[in-house]
N, C-alpha and C. Protein backbone atom coordinates (compact mmCIF):
# COMPACT_ATOMS: atom_id res chain seq x y z
N MET A 1 -66.33 -53.24 67.99
CA MET A 1 -66.09 -53.56 66.61
C MET A 1 -64.58 -53.54 66.33
N ALA A 2 -63.86 -52.60 66.92
CA ALA A 2 -62.42 -52.51 66.68
C ALA A 2 -61.70 -53.77 67.14
N THR A 3 -62.10 -54.32 68.27
CA THR A 3 -61.48 -55.54 68.78
C THR A 3 -61.70 -56.69 67.81
N GLU A 4 -62.91 -56.81 67.30
CA GLU A 4 -63.21 -57.88 66.34
C GLU A 4 -62.38 -57.71 65.07
N LEU A 5 -62.20 -56.48 64.61
CA LEU A 5 -61.40 -56.25 63.41
C LEU A 5 -59.96 -56.70 63.61
N VAL A 6 -59.39 -56.40 64.77
CA VAL A 6 -58.01 -56.82 65.06
C VAL A 6 -57.92 -58.33 65.09
N LEU A 7 -58.86 -58.98 65.76
CA LEU A 7 -58.85 -60.45 65.83
C LEU A 7 -58.99 -61.08 64.46
N LEU A 8 -59.86 -60.54 63.63
CA LEU A 8 -60.05 -61.07 62.28
C LEU A 8 -58.81 -60.86 61.43
N ARG A 9 -58.22 -59.68 61.53
CA ARG A 9 -57.09 -59.32 60.70
C ARG A 9 -55.85 -60.13 61.06
N ASP A 10 -55.64 -60.40 62.33
CA ASP A 10 -54.41 -61.06 62.77
C ASP A 10 -54.54 -62.57 62.92
N GLY A 11 -55.72 -63.12 62.70
CA GLY A 11 -55.92 -64.56 62.86
C GLY A 11 -55.40 -65.35 61.68
N ASP A 12 -55.39 -66.67 61.84
CA ASP A 12 -54.92 -67.56 60.77
C ASP A 12 -56.02 -67.88 59.77
N GLU A 13 -57.26 -67.82 60.19
CA GLU A 13 -58.36 -68.17 59.30
C GLU A 13 -58.78 -66.94 58.48
N LEU A 14 -59.56 -67.21 57.45
CA LEU A 14 -60.08 -66.12 56.64
C LEU A 14 -61.09 -65.33 57.46
N GLY A 15 -60.99 -64.02 57.39
CA GLY A 15 -61.86 -63.18 58.20
C GLY A 15 -63.13 -62.80 57.47
N LEU A 16 -64.23 -62.86 58.16
CA LEU A 16 -65.53 -62.44 57.64
C LEU A 16 -66.20 -61.63 58.74
N LEU A 17 -66.58 -60.41 58.41
CA LEU A 17 -67.23 -59.53 59.37
C LEU A 17 -68.58 -59.12 58.81
N LEU A 18 -69.64 -59.38 59.57
CA LEU A 18 -70.99 -58.99 59.20
C LEU A 18 -71.41 -57.82 60.08
N ILE A 19 -71.84 -56.73 59.43
CA ILE A 19 -72.22 -55.53 60.18
C ILE A 19 -73.61 -55.11 59.73
N GLU A 20 -74.50 -54.95 60.69
CA GLU A 20 -75.85 -54.52 60.37
C GLU A 20 -76.03 -53.06 60.76
N GLU A 21 -76.30 -52.24 59.78
CA GLU A 21 -76.60 -50.82 59.94
C GLU A 21 -75.68 -50.09 60.91
N PRO A 22 -74.40 -49.95 60.55
CA PRO A 22 -73.46 -49.26 61.44
C PRO A 22 -73.76 -47.77 61.60
N GLU A 23 -74.65 -47.24 60.79
CA GLU A 23 -74.95 -45.81 60.86
C GLU A 23 -75.79 -45.44 62.08
N ALA A 24 -76.36 -46.42 62.76
CA ALA A 24 -77.23 -46.12 63.90
C ALA A 24 -76.48 -45.28 64.94
N HIS A 25 -77.04 -44.14 65.25
CA HIS A 25 -76.52 -43.21 66.26
C HIS A 25 -75.19 -42.56 65.87
N LEU A 26 -74.84 -42.58 64.59
CA LEU A 26 -73.60 -41.93 64.14
C LEU A 26 -73.93 -40.79 63.18
N HIS A 27 -73.31 -39.65 63.37
CA HIS A 27 -73.50 -38.54 62.44
C HIS A 27 -72.72 -38.85 61.15
N PRO A 28 -73.03 -38.18 60.03
CA PRO A 28 -72.43 -38.52 58.73
C PRO A 28 -70.90 -38.51 58.72
N GLN A 29 -70.25 -37.59 59.44
CA GLN A 29 -68.79 -37.56 59.44
C GLN A 29 -68.22 -38.80 60.13
N LEU A 30 -68.84 -39.22 61.21
CA LEU A 30 -68.38 -40.42 61.90
C LEU A 30 -68.68 -41.67 61.07
N GLN A 31 -69.78 -41.67 60.33
CA GLN A 31 -70.07 -42.77 59.41
C GLN A 31 -68.95 -42.90 58.38
N GLU A 32 -68.48 -41.76 57.89
CA GLU A 32 -67.39 -41.77 56.90
C GLU A 32 -66.11 -42.34 57.51
N ARG A 33 -65.82 -41.99 58.75
CA ARG A 33 -64.61 -42.52 59.40
C ARG A 33 -64.71 -44.03 59.61
N VAL A 34 -65.89 -44.51 60.00
CA VAL A 34 -66.09 -45.95 60.16
C VAL A 34 -65.91 -46.65 58.82
N GLN A 35 -66.46 -46.05 57.78
CA GLN A 35 -66.33 -46.64 56.44
C GLN A 35 -64.87 -46.70 56.00
N GLN A 36 -64.11 -45.66 56.26
CA GLN A 36 -62.68 -45.67 55.91
C GLN A 36 -61.93 -46.76 56.67
N LEU A 37 -62.25 -46.94 57.94
CA LEU A 37 -61.63 -48.01 58.73
C LEU A 37 -61.96 -49.38 58.14
N LEU A 38 -63.21 -49.57 57.78
CA LEU A 38 -63.62 -50.85 57.20
C LEU A 38 -62.95 -51.11 55.86
N GLU A 39 -62.81 -50.07 55.05
CA GLU A 39 -62.13 -50.22 53.75
C GLU A 39 -60.67 -50.62 53.94
N ARG A 40 -59.98 -49.96 54.87
CA ARG A 40 -58.58 -50.32 55.14
C ARG A 40 -58.48 -51.77 55.62
N THR A 41 -59.38 -52.15 56.47
CA THR A 41 -59.37 -53.51 57.02
C THR A 41 -59.64 -54.54 55.92
N SER A 42 -60.54 -54.22 55.02
CA SER A 42 -60.89 -55.19 53.97
C SER A 42 -59.76 -55.37 52.96
N LYS A 43 -58.86 -54.41 52.88
CA LYS A 43 -57.76 -54.48 51.91
C LYS A 43 -56.44 -54.93 52.53
N ALA A 44 -56.41 -55.21 53.80
CA ALA A 44 -55.18 -55.62 54.49
C ALA A 44 -54.05 -54.65 54.20
N ALA A 45 -54.28 -53.39 54.52
CA ALA A 45 -53.33 -52.32 54.20
C ALA A 45 -52.03 -52.42 55.00
N GLU A 46 -52.06 -53.09 56.14
CA GLU A 46 -50.87 -53.17 56.98
C GLU A 46 -50.10 -54.45 56.66
N PRO A 47 -48.76 -54.41 56.74
CA PRO A 47 -47.97 -55.63 56.53
C PRO A 47 -48.34 -56.69 57.57
N ASP A 48 -48.25 -57.93 57.18
CA ASP A 48 -48.54 -59.07 58.06
C ASP A 48 -50.00 -59.15 58.50
N SER A 49 -50.87 -58.46 57.82
CA SER A 49 -52.29 -58.58 58.16
C SER A 49 -53.02 -59.23 56.99
N ARG A 50 -54.13 -59.82 57.28
CA ARG A 50 -54.92 -60.51 56.26
C ARG A 50 -56.13 -59.66 55.90
N PRO A 51 -56.57 -59.76 54.65
CA PRO A 51 -57.80 -59.03 54.30
C PRO A 51 -59.00 -59.65 55.01
N VAL A 52 -59.98 -58.82 55.28
CA VAL A 52 -61.21 -59.27 55.92
C VAL A 52 -62.35 -58.95 54.97
N GLN A 53 -63.15 -59.96 54.64
CA GLN A 53 -64.33 -59.70 53.82
C GLN A 53 -65.40 -59.11 54.72
N ILE A 54 -65.96 -57.98 54.30
CA ILE A 54 -66.94 -57.29 55.12
C ILE A 54 -68.26 -57.23 54.36
N ILE A 55 -69.30 -57.69 55.01
CA ILE A 55 -70.65 -57.60 54.46
C ILE A 55 -71.42 -56.69 55.40
N MET A 56 -71.94 -55.59 54.83
CA MET A 56 -72.59 -54.58 55.64
C MET A 56 -73.96 -54.26 55.05
N THR A 57 -74.96 -54.19 55.90
CA THR A 57 -76.27 -53.71 55.47
C THR A 57 -76.43 -52.28 55.96
N THR A 58 -77.10 -51.46 55.15
CA THR A 58 -77.26 -50.06 55.53
C THR A 58 -78.48 -49.46 54.84
N HIS A 59 -79.00 -48.42 55.46
CA HIS A 59 -80.00 -47.56 54.84
C HIS A 59 -79.44 -46.13 54.77
N SER A 60 -78.14 -45.99 54.90
CA SER A 60 -77.51 -44.68 54.96
C SER A 60 -77.03 -44.22 53.58
N PRO A 61 -77.59 -43.13 53.05
CA PRO A 61 -77.08 -42.59 51.80
C PRO A 61 -75.61 -42.18 51.90
N SER A 62 -75.18 -41.75 53.09
CA SER A 62 -73.77 -41.36 53.27
C SER A 62 -72.85 -42.55 53.07
N LEU A 63 -73.18 -43.70 53.65
CA LEU A 63 -72.36 -44.89 53.48
C LEU A 63 -72.44 -45.41 52.05
N ALA A 64 -73.62 -45.38 51.46
CA ALA A 64 -73.77 -45.85 50.08
C ALA A 64 -72.97 -44.97 49.12
N ALA A 65 -72.96 -43.66 49.36
CA ALA A 65 -72.23 -42.75 48.49
C ALA A 65 -70.73 -42.97 48.58
N GLY A 66 -70.25 -43.37 49.74
CA GLY A 66 -68.82 -43.56 49.93
C GLY A 66 -68.30 -44.91 49.48
N ALA A 67 -69.20 -45.82 49.18
CA ALA A 67 -68.79 -47.18 48.79
C ALA A 67 -68.44 -47.24 47.30
N ASP A 68 -67.58 -48.18 46.96
CA ASP A 68 -67.28 -48.46 45.56
C ASP A 68 -68.54 -49.07 44.94
N ILE A 69 -69.04 -48.46 43.86
CA ILE A 69 -70.28 -48.92 43.22
C ILE A 69 -70.22 -50.41 42.91
N ALA A 70 -69.09 -50.88 42.42
CA ALA A 70 -68.97 -52.28 42.02
C ALA A 70 -69.02 -53.23 43.22
N SER A 71 -68.87 -52.71 44.43
CA SER A 71 -68.92 -53.57 45.61
C SER A 71 -70.33 -53.68 46.19
N LEU A 72 -71.28 -52.95 45.61
CA LEU A 72 -72.64 -52.93 46.15
C LEU A 72 -73.49 -54.07 45.60
N THR A 73 -74.35 -54.58 46.44
CA THR A 73 -75.41 -55.50 46.04
C THR A 73 -76.70 -54.95 46.61
N LEU A 74 -77.65 -54.66 45.75
CA LEU A 74 -78.93 -54.15 46.19
C LEU A 74 -79.84 -55.33 46.50
N VAL A 75 -80.60 -55.23 47.58
CA VAL A 75 -81.51 -56.30 47.98
C VAL A 75 -82.92 -55.71 48.00
N ASN A 76 -83.82 -56.37 47.28
CA ASN A 76 -85.21 -55.92 47.24
C ASN A 76 -86.10 -57.15 47.27
N ARG A 77 -86.84 -57.29 48.36
CA ARG A 77 -87.78 -58.41 48.52
C ARG A 77 -87.12 -59.75 48.21
N ALA A 78 -86.01 -60.01 48.86
CA ALA A 78 -85.26 -61.27 48.76
C ALA A 78 -84.61 -61.49 47.40
N GLN A 79 -84.59 -60.48 46.55
CA GLN A 79 -83.87 -60.57 45.29
C GLN A 79 -82.58 -59.78 45.42
N LEU A 80 -81.49 -60.33 44.87
CA LEU A 80 -80.19 -59.68 44.93
C LEU A 80 -79.83 -59.13 43.56
N PHE A 81 -79.30 -57.91 43.55
CA PHE A 81 -78.88 -57.26 42.32
C PHE A 81 -77.45 -56.77 42.51
N SER A 82 -76.50 -57.53 42.03
CA SER A 82 -75.09 -57.17 42.17
C SER A 82 -74.74 -56.07 41.18
N LEU A 83 -73.98 -55.08 41.64
CA LEU A 83 -73.50 -54.02 40.75
C LEU A 83 -72.04 -54.25 40.38
N ALA A 84 -71.54 -55.47 40.59
CA ALA A 84 -70.15 -55.80 40.28
C ALA A 84 -69.90 -55.73 38.78
N HIS A 85 -68.65 -55.47 38.42
CA HIS A 85 -68.26 -55.48 37.01
C HIS A 85 -68.64 -56.83 36.41
N GLY A 86 -69.22 -56.81 35.22
CA GLY A 86 -69.61 -58.05 34.56
C GLY A 86 -71.00 -58.53 34.94
N LYS A 87 -71.59 -57.98 35.98
CA LYS A 87 -72.93 -58.38 36.41
C LYS A 87 -73.99 -57.39 35.95
N THR A 88 -73.55 -56.28 35.36
CA THR A 88 -74.47 -55.26 34.86
C THR A 88 -74.11 -54.97 33.41
N LYS A 89 -74.88 -54.09 32.80
CA LYS A 89 -74.57 -53.66 31.43
C LYS A 89 -73.74 -52.37 31.43
N LEU A 90 -73.25 -51.98 32.60
CA LEU A 90 -72.46 -50.76 32.72
C LEU A 90 -71.07 -50.96 32.15
N LEU A 91 -70.59 -49.93 31.47
CA LEU A 91 -69.22 -49.92 30.96
C LEU A 91 -68.28 -49.39 32.05
N LYS A 92 -66.99 -49.58 31.85
CA LYS A 92 -66.01 -49.07 32.81
C LYS A 92 -66.18 -47.56 32.99
N SER A 93 -66.44 -46.86 31.89
CA SER A 93 -66.63 -45.40 31.97
C SER A 93 -67.89 -45.05 32.77
N ASP A 94 -68.90 -45.92 32.74
CA ASP A 94 -70.12 -45.68 33.53
C ASP A 94 -69.81 -45.75 35.03
N TYR A 95 -69.00 -46.74 35.41
CA TYR A 95 -68.62 -46.86 36.82
C TYR A 95 -67.83 -45.63 37.26
N GLU A 96 -66.94 -45.15 36.40
CA GLU A 96 -66.15 -43.96 36.73
C GLU A 96 -67.05 -42.74 36.88
N PHE A 97 -68.03 -42.60 35.97
CA PHE A 97 -68.97 -41.49 36.06
C PHE A 97 -69.77 -41.57 37.36
N LEU A 98 -70.29 -42.74 37.67
CA LEU A 98 -71.09 -42.90 38.88
C LEU A 98 -70.28 -42.63 40.14
N ARG A 99 -69.01 -43.02 40.13
CA ARG A 99 -68.15 -42.76 41.29
C ARG A 99 -68.06 -41.26 41.55
N ARG A 100 -67.97 -40.47 40.48
CA ARG A 100 -67.89 -39.01 40.63
C ARG A 100 -69.26 -38.39 40.89
N PHE A 101 -70.30 -38.95 40.31
CA PHE A 101 -71.64 -38.36 40.33
C PHE A 101 -72.38 -38.58 41.65
N ILE A 102 -72.30 -39.79 42.17
CA ILE A 102 -73.13 -40.13 43.33
C ILE A 102 -72.52 -39.58 44.61
N ASP A 103 -73.30 -38.73 45.26
CA ASP A 103 -72.92 -38.19 46.57
C ASP A 103 -74.03 -38.55 47.56
N ALA A 104 -73.94 -38.06 48.76
CA ALA A 104 -74.92 -38.43 49.79
C ALA A 104 -76.33 -37.98 49.43
N THR A 105 -76.46 -36.91 48.63
CA THR A 105 -77.81 -36.46 48.26
C THR A 105 -78.39 -37.30 47.13
N LYS A 106 -77.56 -37.88 46.30
CA LYS A 106 -78.05 -38.69 45.18
C LYS A 106 -78.10 -40.19 45.52
N ALA A 107 -77.37 -40.60 46.53
CA ALA A 107 -77.31 -42.03 46.87
C ALA A 107 -78.64 -42.56 47.40
N ASN A 108 -79.57 -41.67 47.72
CA ASN A 108 -80.87 -42.16 48.18
C ASN A 108 -81.60 -42.93 47.09
N LEU A 109 -81.15 -42.82 45.84
CA LEU A 109 -81.78 -43.58 44.76
C LEU A 109 -81.61 -45.08 44.95
N PHE A 110 -80.58 -45.50 45.69
CA PHE A 110 -80.38 -46.93 45.96
C PHE A 110 -81.48 -47.49 46.85
N PHE A 111 -82.16 -46.64 47.60
CA PHE A 111 -83.15 -47.08 48.57
C PHE A 111 -84.58 -46.81 48.12
N ALA A 112 -84.75 -46.20 46.96
CA ALA A 112 -86.07 -45.80 46.48
C ALA A 112 -86.76 -46.93 45.70
N ARG A 113 -88.08 -46.87 45.69
CA ARG A 113 -88.85 -47.78 44.83
C ARG A 113 -88.92 -47.25 43.40
N GLY A 114 -88.79 -45.95 43.27
CA GLY A 114 -88.81 -45.31 41.96
C GLY A 114 -87.94 -44.07 41.99
N VAL A 115 -87.47 -43.67 40.81
CA VAL A 115 -86.59 -42.51 40.72
C VAL A 115 -87.08 -41.60 39.59
N ALA A 116 -87.24 -40.32 39.90
CA ALA A 116 -87.52 -39.31 38.88
C ALA A 116 -86.21 -38.58 38.61
N ILE A 117 -85.68 -38.75 37.40
CA ILE A 117 -84.43 -38.09 37.04
C ILE A 117 -84.77 -36.77 36.36
N VAL A 118 -84.26 -35.68 36.93
CA VAL A 118 -84.54 -34.35 36.40
C VAL A 118 -83.23 -33.68 36.02
N GLU A 119 -83.32 -32.67 35.16
CA GLU A 119 -82.11 -32.06 34.60
C GLU A 119 -81.73 -30.72 35.19
N GLY A 120 -82.43 -30.27 36.18
CA GLY A 120 -82.05 -28.98 36.74
C GLY A 120 -82.92 -28.59 37.91
N PRO A 121 -82.62 -27.43 38.50
CA PRO A 121 -83.35 -27.01 39.69
C PRO A 121 -84.84 -26.76 39.44
N ALA A 122 -85.20 -26.33 38.23
CA ALA A 122 -86.62 -26.08 37.95
C ALA A 122 -87.41 -27.38 38.01
N GLU A 123 -86.85 -28.44 37.41
CA GLU A 123 -87.54 -29.73 37.42
C GLU A 123 -87.52 -30.36 38.81
N ALA A 124 -86.57 -29.95 39.66
CA ALA A 124 -86.50 -30.48 41.02
C ALA A 124 -87.72 -30.06 41.84
N LEU A 125 -88.51 -29.14 41.30
CA LEU A 125 -89.77 -28.75 41.95
C LEU A 125 -90.85 -29.81 41.76
N LEU A 126 -90.57 -30.82 40.97
CA LEU A 126 -91.55 -31.86 40.66
C LEU A 126 -92.19 -32.47 41.91
N PRO A 127 -91.45 -32.83 42.95
CA PRO A 127 -92.11 -33.37 44.14
C PRO A 127 -93.11 -32.40 44.77
N ALA A 128 -92.77 -31.11 44.79
CA ALA A 128 -93.68 -30.11 45.35
C ALA A 128 -94.93 -29.96 44.49
N LEU A 129 -94.75 -29.99 43.17
CA LEU A 129 -95.90 -29.91 42.27
C LEU A 129 -96.78 -31.15 42.42
N ALA A 130 -96.16 -32.30 42.55
CA ALA A 130 -96.92 -33.54 42.74
C ALA A 130 -97.70 -33.47 44.05
N ALA A 131 -97.06 -32.96 45.10
CA ALA A 131 -97.73 -32.85 46.40
C ALA A 131 -98.93 -31.90 46.33
N ALA A 132 -98.78 -30.82 45.56
CA ALA A 132 -99.87 -29.87 45.40
C ALA A 132 -101.08 -30.50 44.71
N SER A 133 -100.82 -31.53 43.90
CA SER A 133 -101.92 -32.21 43.22
C SER A 133 -102.35 -33.48 43.96
N GLY A 134 -101.84 -33.66 45.19
CA GLY A 134 -102.28 -34.78 46.01
C GLY A 134 -101.46 -36.05 45.89
N TYR A 135 -100.30 -35.99 45.25
CA TYR A 135 -99.45 -37.18 45.09
C TYR A 135 -98.15 -36.97 45.86
N SER A 136 -97.84 -37.85 46.77
CA SER A 136 -96.65 -37.69 47.60
C SER A 136 -95.52 -38.60 47.12
N PHE A 137 -94.41 -38.00 46.72
CA PHE A 137 -93.24 -38.79 46.32
C PHE A 137 -92.75 -39.64 47.50
N SER A 138 -92.68 -39.04 48.69
CA SER A 138 -92.16 -39.78 49.84
C SER A 138 -93.09 -40.92 50.24
N GLU A 139 -94.39 -40.72 50.14
CA GLU A 139 -95.33 -41.79 50.47
C GLU A 139 -95.15 -43.00 49.55
N HIS A 140 -94.76 -42.75 48.32
CA HIS A 140 -94.55 -43.82 47.33
C HIS A 140 -93.08 -44.20 47.19
N CYS A 141 -92.23 -43.67 48.08
CA CYS A 141 -90.79 -43.98 48.10
C CYS A 141 -90.12 -43.66 46.77
N ILE A 142 -90.42 -42.49 46.24
CA ILE A 142 -89.83 -42.03 44.98
C ILE A 142 -88.81 -40.94 45.29
N SER A 143 -87.61 -41.09 44.75
CA SER A 143 -86.56 -40.09 44.90
C SER A 143 -86.49 -39.24 43.65
N CYS A 144 -86.24 -37.97 43.83
CA CYS A 144 -86.04 -37.04 42.72
C CYS A 144 -84.55 -36.72 42.68
N VAL A 145 -83.89 -37.10 41.59
CA VAL A 145 -82.44 -36.92 41.48
C VAL A 145 -82.14 -35.93 40.36
N ASP A 146 -81.50 -34.83 40.73
CA ASP A 146 -81.11 -33.79 39.78
C ASP A 146 -79.76 -34.16 39.17
N VAL A 147 -79.74 -34.43 37.87
CA VAL A 147 -78.49 -34.80 37.20
C VAL A 147 -77.80 -33.59 36.58
N GLY A 148 -78.40 -32.41 36.73
CA GLY A 148 -77.74 -31.19 36.30
C GLY A 148 -77.49 -31.09 34.80
N GLY A 149 -78.34 -31.68 33.99
CA GLY A 149 -78.19 -31.57 32.54
C GLY A 149 -76.98 -32.28 31.98
N VAL A 150 -76.55 -33.39 32.60
CA VAL A 150 -75.36 -34.10 32.11
C VAL A 150 -75.68 -35.03 30.94
N GLY A 151 -76.93 -35.09 30.54
CA GLY A 151 -77.28 -35.87 29.36
C GLY A 151 -77.27 -37.37 29.57
N LEU A 152 -77.91 -37.82 30.63
CA LEU A 152 -78.02 -39.27 30.84
C LEU A 152 -78.94 -39.81 29.80
């Protein structure tokens, strides 16, 4: 991948790099380093280098948490949902809040079919209570996200 990045960055044509699930066989810290390398490459941080447009698919909450929210496009059953500025009803302050709020434990909401938003650790027991009554959150791809009483 590093060789391709150099060739794309130093070439005369516009660079486009497609990456499918770079998280395979990488621990979260190494995923973060790969993501930082890709971000630098996409911004042409070095003099005399060209920016490279990078399109990456992932199922990694670590990579999703580290990405700029506005750069994400969610794909569900061949439908695209861009989170870019102007494509959502989010305000600039919402993007700033999400940038601070979403971490690797909360980024799994991007991959869920449903999300249960709870306000504290007591409500975070909801998946266990549901399981006790025969309903599995994981079987139905539902994520439980603790917002810590921030008043969403």
